[in-house]
Protein backbone atom coordinates (compact mmCIF):
# COMPACT_ATOMS: atom_id res chain seq x y z
CA MET A 1 -53.09 -44.05 -12.10
CA LYS A 2 -53.13 -39.58 -12.57
CA SER A 3 -54.64 -38.41 -15.55
CA ILE A 4 -52.82 -37.26 -18.58
CA GLU A 5 -54.12 -33.69 -17.92
CA GLU A 6 -53.03 -34.22 -14.12
CA ILE A 7 -48.83 -35.47 -16.00
CA HIS A 8 -49.42 -32.72 -17.74
CA SER A 9 -50.17 -30.46 -15.05
CA MET A 10 -47.33 -31.10 -12.60
CA LYS A 11 -45.07 -30.26 -15.76
CA TYR A 12 -45.31 -27.06 -14.97
CA ARG A 13 -46.11 -26.97 -11.33
CA TYR A 14 -42.43 -28.14 -10.79
CA PRO A 15 -39.94 -25.38 -12.40
CA VAL A 16 -42.62 -22.45 -10.66
CA ILE A 17 -41.93 -24.69 -7.11
CA PHE A 18 -38.54 -24.24 -8.09
CA LEU A 19 -38.33 -20.74 -8.68
CA ILE A 20 -40.07 -20.23 -6.29
CA ILE A 21 -37.36 -21.62 -3.29
CA ILE A 22 -34.51 -20.34 -5.69
CA VAL A 23 -35.73 -16.42 -4.34
CA LEU A 24 -37.01 -17.64 -0.56
CA SER A 25 -33.26 -18.58 -0.51
CA CYS A 26 -31.56 -15.78 -2.10
CA THR A 27 -33.78 -13.76 0.76
CA ALA A 28 -32.66 -15.95 3.68
CA VAL A 29 -28.77 -14.53 2.27
CA LEU A 30 -29.96 -11.36 2.70
CA LYS A 31 -30.50 -12.20 6.15
CA SER A 32 -27.36 -12.13 9.07
CA SER A 33 -27.07 -14.51 11.43
CA THR A 34 -28.84 -12.04 14.02
CA GLY A 35 -32.03 -11.87 10.88
CA LEU A 36 -31.50 -8.21 10.72
CA ASN A 37 -30.34 -7.18 7.74
CA ILE A 38 -27.63 -5.34 8.54
CA ALA A 39 -23.81 -5.64 6.23
CA SER A 40 -20.51 -3.97 7.98
CA LEU A 41 -16.97 -3.10 6.28
CA ARG A 42 -14.03 -3.84 8.34
CA ILE A 43 -11.65 -1.62 6.40
CA GLU A 44 -6.95 -2.22 7.77
CA ILE A 45 -4.71 0.27 6.45
CA THR A 46 -1.46 -2.05 5.64
CA ASN A 47 2.45 -0.82 5.09
CA THR A 48 4.55 -3.64 5.22
CA ARG A 49 7.01 -0.66 5.57
CA ALA A 50 6.41 -0.26 8.73
CA SER A 51 4.82 -3.12 9.82
CA TYR A 52 8.13 -4.94 9.15
CA LEU A 53 9.47 -2.47 11.66
CA GLY A 54 6.89 -2.50 14.07
CA MET A 55 5.30 0.36 13.58
CA LEU A 56 1.91 1.33 13.12
CA PRO A 57 0.41 2.39 9.28
CA LEU A 58 -0.34 6.29 9.00
CA LEU A 59 -1.82 8.18 5.72
CA TYR A 60 -1.58 11.67 6.91
CA ASP A 61 -4.66 12.75 4.53
CA SER A 62 -8.23 11.74 4.88
CA ILE A 63 -9.83 8.56 3.38
CA ILE A 64 -13.23 9.02 1.09
CA VAL A 65 -15.91 6.36 1.11
CA LEU A 66 -18.59 6.88 -1.95
CA LYS A 67 -22.00 4.76 -1.75
CA ASN A 68 -23.39 4.04 -4.66
CA ASN A 69 -21.17 7.28 -6.39
CA MET A 70 -22.21 9.24 -3.29
CA PRO A 71 -20.59 11.30 -0.20
CA PHE A 72 -20.76 8.76 2.16
CA ARG A 73 -18.10 8.85 5.32
CA ILE A 74 -14.97 10.55 5.77
CA LEU A 75 -12.18 8.66 8.11
CA ASP A 76 -9.39 9.18 9.94
CA GLY A 77 -6.19 8.21 8.07
CA THR A 78 -4.21 8.55 11.35
CA LYS A 79 -5.88 5.56 12.65
CA ALA A 80 -5.08 2.22 11.19
CA VAL A 81 -8.60 0.20 11.16
CA HIS A 82 -12.41 1.68 10.42
CA THR A 83 -15.75 -0.87 10.86
CA LEU A 84 -18.59 0.81 8.71
CA SER A 85 -21.91 -0.56 10.12
CA PRO A 86 -24.55 -0.61 9.70
CA LEU A 87 -24.22 -0.50 5.76
CA ASP A 88 -26.96 -1.08 3.17
CA THR A 89 -26.10 -3.42 0.21
CA GLY A 90 -24.42 -1.08 -2.45
CA LEU A 91 -21.26 0.47 -4.42
CA TYR A 92 -18.68 1.23 -1.98
CA THR A 93 -16.26 3.42 -3.10
CA ILE A 94 -12.78 3.77 -1.20
CA HIS A 95 -10.35 6.98 -1.97
CA TYR A 96 -6.97 7.84 -0.20
CA ARG A 97 -3.51 9.42 -1.19
CA SER A 98 -0.73 6.66 -0.89
CA ILE A 99 2.73 7.86 1.24
CA TYR A 100 4.13 9.04 -2.23
CA LYS A 101 1.26 11.35 -2.83
CA LYS A 102 -1.22 9.03 -5.33
CA GLU A 103 -4.03 8.84 -5.76
CA GLU A 104 -5.13 5.16 -5.18
CA SER A 105 -9.22 3.48 -5.20
CA LYS A 106 -10.49 0.57 -4.44
CA THR A 107 -13.84 -0.49 -4.58
CA ILE A 108 -16.32 -2.50 -2.92
CA TYR A 109 -19.41 -4.09 -4.04
CA ILE A 110 -21.93 -5.47 -1.04
CA SER A 111 -24.59 -7.75 -2.16
CA THR A 112 -25.08 -9.55 1.50
CA PHE A 113 -26.04 -8.54 4.99
CA LYS A 114 -22.70 -9.87 6.45
CA SER A 115 -19.40 -8.97 7.45
CA TYR A 116 -17.06 -7.80 4.63
CA ASN A 117 -13.30 -7.09 4.89
CA THR A 118 -10.83 -5.34 2.98
CA SER A 119 -7.11 -3.45 2.89
CA ILE A 120 -5.64 -0.52 1.98
CA CYS A 121 -2.49 -0.71 1.29
CA ALA A 122 -0.93 2.87 2.23
CA ASP A 123 3.18 1.94 0.19
CA SER A 124 1.13 1.62 -2.94
CA LEU A 125 3.45 2.61 -5.31
CA ASP A 126 3.83 1.20 -9.71
CA TYR A 127 6.93 1.41 -9.78
CA LYS A 128 6.82 0.28 -13.95
CA ASN A 129 5.20 3.42 -14.42
CA GLU A 130 7.47 5.65 -13.40
CA THR A 131 9.08 8.28 -16.03
CA TYR A 132 12.13 9.34 -13.88
CA ILE A 133 14.68 7.03 -14.55
CA PRO A 134 17.37 6.33 -10.80
CA ILE A 135 20.60 7.09 -10.76
CA ILE A 136 21.58 3.66 -10.19
CA ASN A 137 20.42 2.90 -13.77
CA GLN A 138 21.81 5.68 -15.53
CA LEU A 139 25.41 5.21 -13.93
CA GLN A 140 28.21 4.34 -16.73
CA ASP A 141 31.20 1.79 -15.95
CA LYS A 142 33.76 3.87 -13.39
CA GLU A 143 31.05 5.98 -12.27
CA ARG A 144 29.93 6.81 -8.36
CA TYR A 145 27.06 8.24 -6.37
CA THR A 146 26.69 8.63 -2.99
CA ILE A 147 23.17 8.50 -0.79
CA ALA A 148 24.14 10.59 2.75
CA MET A 149 20.96 9.42 4.74
CA GLN A 150 20.81 11.08 8.41
CA THR A 151 17.69 10.10 11.30
CA SER A 152 17.25 12.04 13.83
CA GLY A 153 14.40 12.62 16.37
CA CYS A 154 14.56 14.27 20.45
CA PHE A 155 16.29 11.01 21.84
CA ASN A 156 17.92 10.27 18.64
CA PHE A 157 20.54 10.95 16.09
CA GLU A 158 21.94 8.10 13.26
CA SER A 159 23.88 9.04 9.81
CA ASP A 160 25.06 6.96 7.52
CA THR A 161 26.67 7.35 3.68
CA LEU A 162 26.08 4.92 0.94
CA THR A 163 28.76 4.71 -1.91
CA ILE A 164 27.07 2.66 -5.11
CA HIS A 165 30.26 2.52 -8.17
CA LYS A 166 29.80 0.69 -11.53
CA ARG A 167 33.22 -0.82 -12.89
CA LYS A 168 33.08 -3.15 -15.51
CA GLY A 169 29.69 -3.55 -15.47
CA LYS A 170 28.76 -4.99 -12.22
CA TYR A 171 27.98 -2.75 -9.38
CA TYR A 172 29.21 -3.09 -6.15
CA ALA A 173 28.48 -0.81 -2.65
CA THR A 174 30.09 0.82 0.59
CA TRP A 175 28.80 1.91 3.71
CA GLN A 176 30.26 4.75 5.35
CA SER A 177 29.87 3.09 8.91
CA ASP A 178 31.31 -0.34 7.71
CA VAL A 179 34.41 1.08 6.35
CA PRO A 180 37.47 0.08 6.74
CA THR A 181 36.60 -3.29 8.43
CA LYS A 182 34.41 -4.18 5.58
CA HIS A 183 35.45 -3.77 1.30
CA SER A 184 32.71 -2.99 -1.63
CA GLN A 185 30.04 -5.47 -1.73
CA TYR A 186 29.27 -6.95 -4.91
CA LEU A 187 25.44 -6.04 -5.53
CA THR A 188 23.27 -8.78 -6.05
CA PRO A 189 19.93 -8.22 -9.62
CA LYS A 190 17.67 -8.31 -6.06
CA GLN A 191 20.51 -5.38 -4.62
CA ILE A 192 19.90 -3.33 -7.23
CA GLU A 193 16.13 -3.31 -7.36
CA THR A 194 16.38 -2.83 -4.02
CA ILE A 195 17.87 0.65 -4.98
CA ARG A 196 16.15 1.43 -7.64
CA LYS A 197 13.08 1.51 -6.16
CA PHE A 198 14.33 3.67 -3.08
CA GLU A 199 15.43 6.35 -5.63
CA LEU A 200 11.67 6.13 -6.74
CA GLU A 201 9.86 6.21 -4.11
CA LEU A 202 12.40 9.35 -1.87
CA ASN A 203 11.08 11.30 -5.59
CA TYR A 204 7.65 11.46 -3.38
CA MET A 205 8.92 11.95 0.22
CA ASN A 206 10.32 15.26 0.04
CA ASN A 207 7.30 16.86 2.46
CA LYS A 208 7.05 19.12 5.63
CA TYR A 209 5.23 17.01 7.80
CA ARG A 210 5.43 18.54 11.66
CA SER A 211 7.37 14.93 13.18
CA THR A 212 9.81 15.38 15.68
CA THR A 213 11.40 12.37 13.82
CA LYS A 214 12.45 13.76 10.58
CA ASP A 215 14.72 11.58 8.02
CA THR A 216 17.28 13.95 5.41
CA TYR A 217 18.66 12.28 2.30
CA THR A 218 21.13 13.86 0.35
CA ILE A 219 22.10 12.16 -3.65
CA SER A 220 24.95 13.49 -5.41
CA PHE A 221 25.69 12.35 -8.47
CA ARG A 222 27.85 14.34 -11.34
CA GLU A 223 28.41 17.36 -9.22
CA LYS A 224 24.83 17.76 -8.03
CA THR A 225 22.75 17.12 -5.44
CA HIS A 226 19.23 16.82 -4.71
CA THR A 227 18.62 16.97 -0.39
CA PHE A 228 15.21 15.48 0.35
CA VAL A 229 13.17 15.37 3.74
CA ASP A 230 11.08 13.17 5.47
CA GLY A 231 8.96 13.51 8.29
CA SER A 232 5.68 11.12 7.38
CA LEU A 233 6.85 8.64 9.77
CA SER A 234 5.44 6.33 7.39
CA TRP A 235 8.34 5.01 4.51
CA PHE A 236 11.38 4.82 6.65
CA GLY A 237 13.23 4.73 3.47
CA TYR A 238 17.27 4.54 5.69
CA PHE A 239 16.46 1.80 8.15
CA HIS A 240 14.57 -0.54 4.77
CA LEU A 241 17.64 0.11 2.56
CA ARG A 242 19.97 -0.85 5.24
CA GLY A 243 18.90 -3.97 6.43
CA LYS A 244 18.95 -4.98 2.59
CA ILE A 245 21.80 -4.10 1.38
């Protein structure tokens, strides 16, 4: 039978042993499966529009990676996947410009030595905070406007015009290529939202990228026209709109 002194001694010894076990467990977590203190970070560029059309996502500007708020690495934005290894633990911040020329960033805290995965969205746009009012939202009853689209390259040429009009509070649309076989169609709320987002995105797509394929968009409304030229091979606004409307 243990004495009172031994019992009291064990009472204070167990918490110390428990603390040592926790420290050893944490240290074990900081080891990779190979037993080396190595972490890696896989960065994938995504673009829902490009992937939908079977194209690779592109960022024409470089991707800047900071480690603990200090310059660490510069990555090629035209490459879809990057793997950074070996890495120490720390705070890593990825800075990039979306295809809409918006400054974006993403932070990853590497706390253990293992493989990390993250993605950055090339076509990210905060629609709710955009101040521009799309023409479809400006349209009054009995008014109409057109979006003329033309895509051209070394071996392709395609064009079409979308006419949108409002009648008795409802919206209708007609593609020039569908006339006269198809009458104007009623636009659902979802289709109206697609056009609204298209117009918001279009404001940022007037660029001077030296691509052999260029998409030209001309919007005509109330005797005014605005033309945008996109050579980014990243947006595909015309094909996306044609598939949704």
